[in-house]
N, C-alpha and C. Protein backbone atom coordinates (compact mmCIF):
# COMPACT_ATOMS: atom_id res chain seq x y z
N UNK A 1 107.50 113.74 108.98
CA UNK A 1 108.59 112.11 109.59
C UNK A 1 107.76 111.44 109.93
N UNK A 2 108.12 110.56 110.37
CA UNK A 2 106.79 109.49 111.29
C UNK A 2 106.60 109.79 112.37
N UNK A 3 106.96 110.50 112.77
CA UNK A 3 107.22 111.39 114.42
C UNK A 3 105.66 111.87 113.61
N UNK A 4 105.23 113.33 112.98
CA UNK A 4 104.26 113.68 113.24
C UNK A 4 103.75 113.00 111.71
N UNK A 5 103.48 111.92 111.85
CA UNK A 5 102.30 111.01 111.15
C UNK A 5 101.66 110.61 112.39
N UNK A 6 102.36 110.31 113.45
CA UNK A 6 101.73 109.60 114.24
C UNK A 6 101.59 110.76 115.39
N UNK A 7 101.54 111.76 115.50
CA UNK A 7 100.81 113.07 116.63
C UNK A 7 99.41 112.93 115.68
N UNK A 8 99.77 113.56 114.54
CA UNK A 8 98.35 113.70 113.82
C UNK A 8 97.02 112.74 113.27
N UNK A 9 97.74 111.50 113.68
CA UNK A 9 96.48 109.98 113.13
C UNK A 9 95.94 110.70 114.36
N UNK A 10 97.04 110.62 115.61
CA UNK A 10 97.19 110.56 117.81
C UNK A 10 95.57 111.81 117.31
N UNK A 11 95.58 112.51 117.28
CA UNK A 11 94.86 114.23 117.15
C UNK A 11 93.55 114.12 116.34
N UNK A 12 93.82 113.29 115.32
CA UNK A 12 92.74 113.29 114.57
C UNK A 12 91.42 112.37 115.33
N UNK A 13 92.12 110.44 115.55
CA UNK A 13 91.19 109.71 116.55
C UNK A 13 90.89 110.58 118.04
N UNK A 14 91.34 111.17 118.26
CA UNK A 14 90.66 112.15 119.57
C UNK A 14 89.54 113.84 118.98
N UNK A 15 89.91 113.56 117.96
CA UNK A 15 88.32 114.26 117.06
C UNK A 15 86.99 112.80 116.96
N UNK A 16 87.68 112.31 116.62
CA UNK A 16 86.52 111.08 117.20
C UNK A 16 86.76 110.70 115.67
N UNK A 17 87.05 110.71 114.72
CA UNK A 17 87.35 110.36 113.57
C UNK A 17 88.31 108.64 113.75
N UNK A 18 88.03 108.08 112.45
CA UNK A 18 89.28 107.47 112.39
C UNK A 18 90.66 107.34 111.73
N UNK A 19 91.12 106.97 111.65
CA UNK A 19 92.00 107.74 111.56
C UNK A 19 93.84 106.45 111.65
N UNK A 20 93.65 106.28 110.59
CA UNK A 20 95.83 105.23 110.45
C UNK A 20 96.46 105.81 109.28
N UNK A 21 97.64 105.35 110.15
CA UNK A 21 98.97 106.00 109.46
C UNK A 21 99.58 104.75 108.06
N UNK A 22 99.64 104.73 106.73
CA UNK A 22 100.58 103.98 105.95
C UNK A 22 102.39 103.34 106.87
N UNK A 23 102.49 102.97 107.62
CA UNK A 23 104.05 102.54 107.63
C UNK A 23 104.92 102.07 107.19
N UNK A 24 104.34 102.11 104.97
CA UNK A 24 105.48 101.90 103.69
C UNK A 24 105.33 102.73 103.51
N UNK A 25 107.05 102.69 103.06
CA UNK A 25 107.34 103.55 102.54
C UNK A 25 107.33 103.20 100.99
N UNK A 26 106.01 103.89 100.59
CA UNK A 26 105.85 103.91 99.01
C UNK A 26 104.85 104.85 98.36
N UNK A 27 105.05 105.11 97.03
CA UNK A 27 104.88 106.59 95.94
C UNK A 27 103.42 107.28 96.74
N UNK A 28 103.09 108.63 96.76
CA UNK A 28 101.82 108.36 97.43
C UNK A 28 100.44 108.40 96.28
N UNK A 29 100.46 107.87 94.81
CA UNK A 29 99.48 107.26 94.27
C UNK A 29 99.52 105.51 95.37
N UNK A 30 100.09 104.69 95.33
CA UNK A 30 99.83 103.99 95.74
C UNK A 30 99.09 104.19 97.73
N UNK A 31 99.38 105.14 98.78
CA UNK A 31 99.13 104.97 99.36
C UNK A 31 97.68 105.74 99.12
N UNK A 32 96.97 105.52 98.12
CA UNK A 32 96.03 106.66 97.38
C UNK A 32 94.84 105.41 97.24
N UNK A 33 95.43 104.14 96.68
CA UNK A 33 95.03 103.87 96.43
C UNK A 33 94.92 102.64 98.11
N UNK A 34 95.71 102.19 98.46
CA UNK A 34 95.00 101.38 100.07
C UNK A 34 94.42 102.33 100.81
N UNK A 35 94.25 103.08 101.01
CA UNK A 35 93.15 104.39 100.98
C UNK A 35 92.12 103.61 100.83
N UNK A 36 92.22 104.49 99.30
CA UNK A 36 90.64 104.08 98.52
C UNK A 36 90.36 102.68 99.18
N UNK A 37 91.23 102.16 99.03
CA UNK A 37 90.35 100.99 98.95
C UNK A 37 89.96 99.81 100.55
N UNK A 38 90.21 100.63 101.90
CA UNK A 38 90.67 100.39 103.04
C UNK A 38 88.85 101.67 103.59
N UNK A 39 88.37 101.75 101.93
CA UNK A 39 87.69 103.19 102.37
C UNK A 39 87.51 104.01 103.14
N UNK A 40 88.10 105.33 102.82
CA UNK A 40 88.30 106.19 104.06
C UNK A 40 88.39 106.92 103.11
N UNK A 41 87.91 108.36 103.37
CA UNK A 41 86.80 109.49 102.49
C UNK A 41 88.28 109.77 101.64
N UNK A 42 88.95 110.39 103.26
CA UNK A 42 90.48 111.23 102.95
C UNK A 42 91.74 110.70 103.10
N UNK A 43 93.27 111.86 102.59
CA UNK A 43 93.72 111.00 102.99
C UNK A 43 94.53 112.53 103.18
N UNK A 44 95.40 112.41 103.73
CA UNK A 44 96.17 113.21 104.39
C UNK A 44 97.44 112.46 104.40
N UNK A 45 98.22 114.33 103.69
CA UNK A 45 100.11 113.29 102.93
C UNK A 45 100.86 114.45 103.77
N UNK A 46 101.52 114.54 104.64
CA UNK A 46 102.58 115.02 105.66
C UNK A 46 103.83 115.55 104.56
N UNK A 47 104.25 116.11 104.84
CA UNK A 47 106.65 115.87 104.51
C UNK A 47 106.01 115.55 102.93
N UNK A 48 105.91 115.52 101.69
CA UNK A 48 105.17 115.66 100.54
C UNK A 48 105.98 116.76 100.15
N UNK A 49 106.42 116.77 98.55
CA UNK A 49 106.91 117.99 97.80
C UNK A 49 106.48 117.96 97.28
N UNK A 50 105.30 118.61 97.22
CA UNK A 50 102.86 119.01 96.63
C UNK A 50 103.68 120.46 98.17
N UNK A 51 104.07 119.85 99.54
CA UNK A 51 104.15 120.80 101.05
C UNK A 51 104.76 121.44 100.80
N UNK A 52 104.80 122.31 101.26
CA UNK A 52 105.61 123.22 102.02
C UNK A 52 105.65 122.48 103.32
N UNK A 53 106.90 123.02 103.58
CA UNK A 53 107.77 123.48 105.98
C UNK A 53 105.90 123.63 106.11
N UNK A 54 105.34 123.20 107.18
CA UNK A 54 103.91 123.26 108.46
C UNK A 54 102.79 122.64 107.71
N UNK A 55 103.11 122.59 106.51
CA UNK A 55 101.41 122.66 105.54
C UNK A 55 101.18 120.87 105.38
N UNK A 56 99.74 120.42 104.75
CA UNK A 56 99.00 118.96 104.53
C UNK A 56 98.57 119.13 103.41
N UNK A 57 98.52 118.20 103.21
CA UNK A 57 97.43 118.37 101.57
C UNK A 57 96.40 117.08 101.69
N UNK A 58 95.50 117.50 102.34
CA UNK A 58 93.93 115.92 102.61
C UNK A 58 93.76 116.14 101.41
N UNK A 59 93.78 114.78 100.97
CA UNK A 59 92.98 114.47 99.29
C UNK A 59 91.31 114.08 99.72
N UNK A 60 90.17 113.71 98.82
CA UNK A 60 88.78 114.16 99.60
C UNK A 60 89.43 113.34 98.42
N UNK A 61 88.82 111.93 99.03
CA UNK A 61 88.96 110.47 97.91
C UNK A 61 87.99 110.19 96.95
N UNK A 62 87.15 110.61 98.29
CA UNK A 62 85.42 110.45 96.97
C UNK A 62 85.47 111.02 95.21
N UNK A 63 85.50 112.87 95.51
CA UNK A 63 85.88 113.81 94.90
C UNK A 63 86.40 114.02 94.11
N UNK A 64 88.11 113.10 94.29
CA UNK A 64 89.67 113.47 93.61
C UNK A 64 89.65 114.87 93.52
N UNK A 65 89.75 115.00 95.07
CA UNK A 65 90.12 116.71 95.50
C UNK A 65 91.14 116.83 96.26
N UNK A 66 92.42 117.88 96.25
CA UNK A 66 92.83 118.19 97.36
C UNK A 66 92.86 119.48 97.77
N UNK A 67 93.59 119.50 99.43
CA UNK A 67 93.03 121.02 99.10
C UNK A 67 94.35 121.26 100.82
N UNK A 68 95.27 121.88 100.12
CA UNK A 68 96.21 122.00 101.22
C UNK A 68 95.68 123.06 102.51
N UNK A 69 96.36 122.41 103.46
CA UNK A 69 96.10 123.34 104.90
C UNK A 69 97.24 123.29 105.55
N UNK A 70 97.34 124.29 106.73
CA UNK A 70 97.99 124.41 107.90
C UNK A 70 98.59 122.81 108.58
N UNK A 71 99.10 121.94 108.87
CA UNK A 71 99.45 121.06 109.87
C UNK A 71 99.37 121.46 110.39
N UNK A 72 98.85 122.21 111.42
CA UNK A 72 98.34 122.47 112.47
C UNK A 72 96.20 122.12 112.73
N UNK A 73 95.65 122.31 111.04
CA UNK A 73 94.65 122.63 111.62
C UNK A 73 93.76 121.59 110.55
N UNK A 74 94.68 119.87 110.42
CA UNK A 74 94.44 119.50 109.84
C UNK A 74 93.21 118.13 110.32
N UNK A 75 93.15 118.14 112.02
CA UNK A 75 92.59 117.54 112.87
C UNK A 75 90.91 118.04 112.60
N UNK A 76 91.08 119.93 112.71
CA UNK A 76 89.73 119.65 112.74
C UNK A 76 89.42 119.91 111.01
N UNK A 77 90.35 120.51 110.23
CA UNK A 77 89.01 121.05 108.08
C UNK A 77 88.38 119.55 108.25
N UNK A 78 89.16 117.76 108.59
CA UNK A 78 89.30 116.10 108.57
C UNK A 78 87.51 116.25 109.33
N UNK A 79 87.71 116.72 110.41
CA UNK A 79 86.15 116.99 111.68
C UNK A 79 85.67 117.18 110.92
N UNK A 80 85.35 119.19 110.38
CA UNK A 80 84.79 119.34 109.28
C UNK A 80 84.04 118.98 108.49
N UNK A 81 85.19 118.27 107.68
CA UNK A 81 84.04 117.54 106.43
C UNK A 81 83.53 116.67 106.62
N UNK A 82 84.02 115.13 107.67
CA UNK A 82 83.96 114.42 108.27
C UNK A 82 82.32 114.26 108.23
N UNK A 83 81.81 115.95 108.50
CA UNK A 83 80.72 115.83 108.93
C UNK A 83 79.93 116.51 108.25
N UNK A 84 80.16 117.50 107.59
CA UNK A 84 79.62 118.20 106.01
C UNK A 84 79.58 119.38 106.36
N UNK A 85 80.36 120.16 106.99
CA UNK A 85 79.69 121.74 106.94
C UNK A 85 81.39 122.36 106.57
N UNK A 86 82.68 121.92 105.33
CA UNK A 86 83.83 122.26 105.50
C UNK A 86 83.32 121.64 103.59
N UNK A 87 83.88 122.70 102.98
CA UNK A 87 84.81 122.66 101.22
C UNK A 87 85.83 122.40 101.38
């Protein structure tokens, strides 16, 4: 939901990581392409058909990989990945 995305982006920013959310409803691949154009390393998809309730997909745009994690741990996972301590 939009509210979930706002809360997640705020939480990620509070961890010191640049975050933005796509406010236009579009296919996931188009959102990922936009994130690449804006030089984001990671994109987080919540509410996607690939994710069960309470989970999110962290897309590593440089490595072209996806990791599914609990939504509650997304901010800490992104922070760890950004610092190079998680895979």
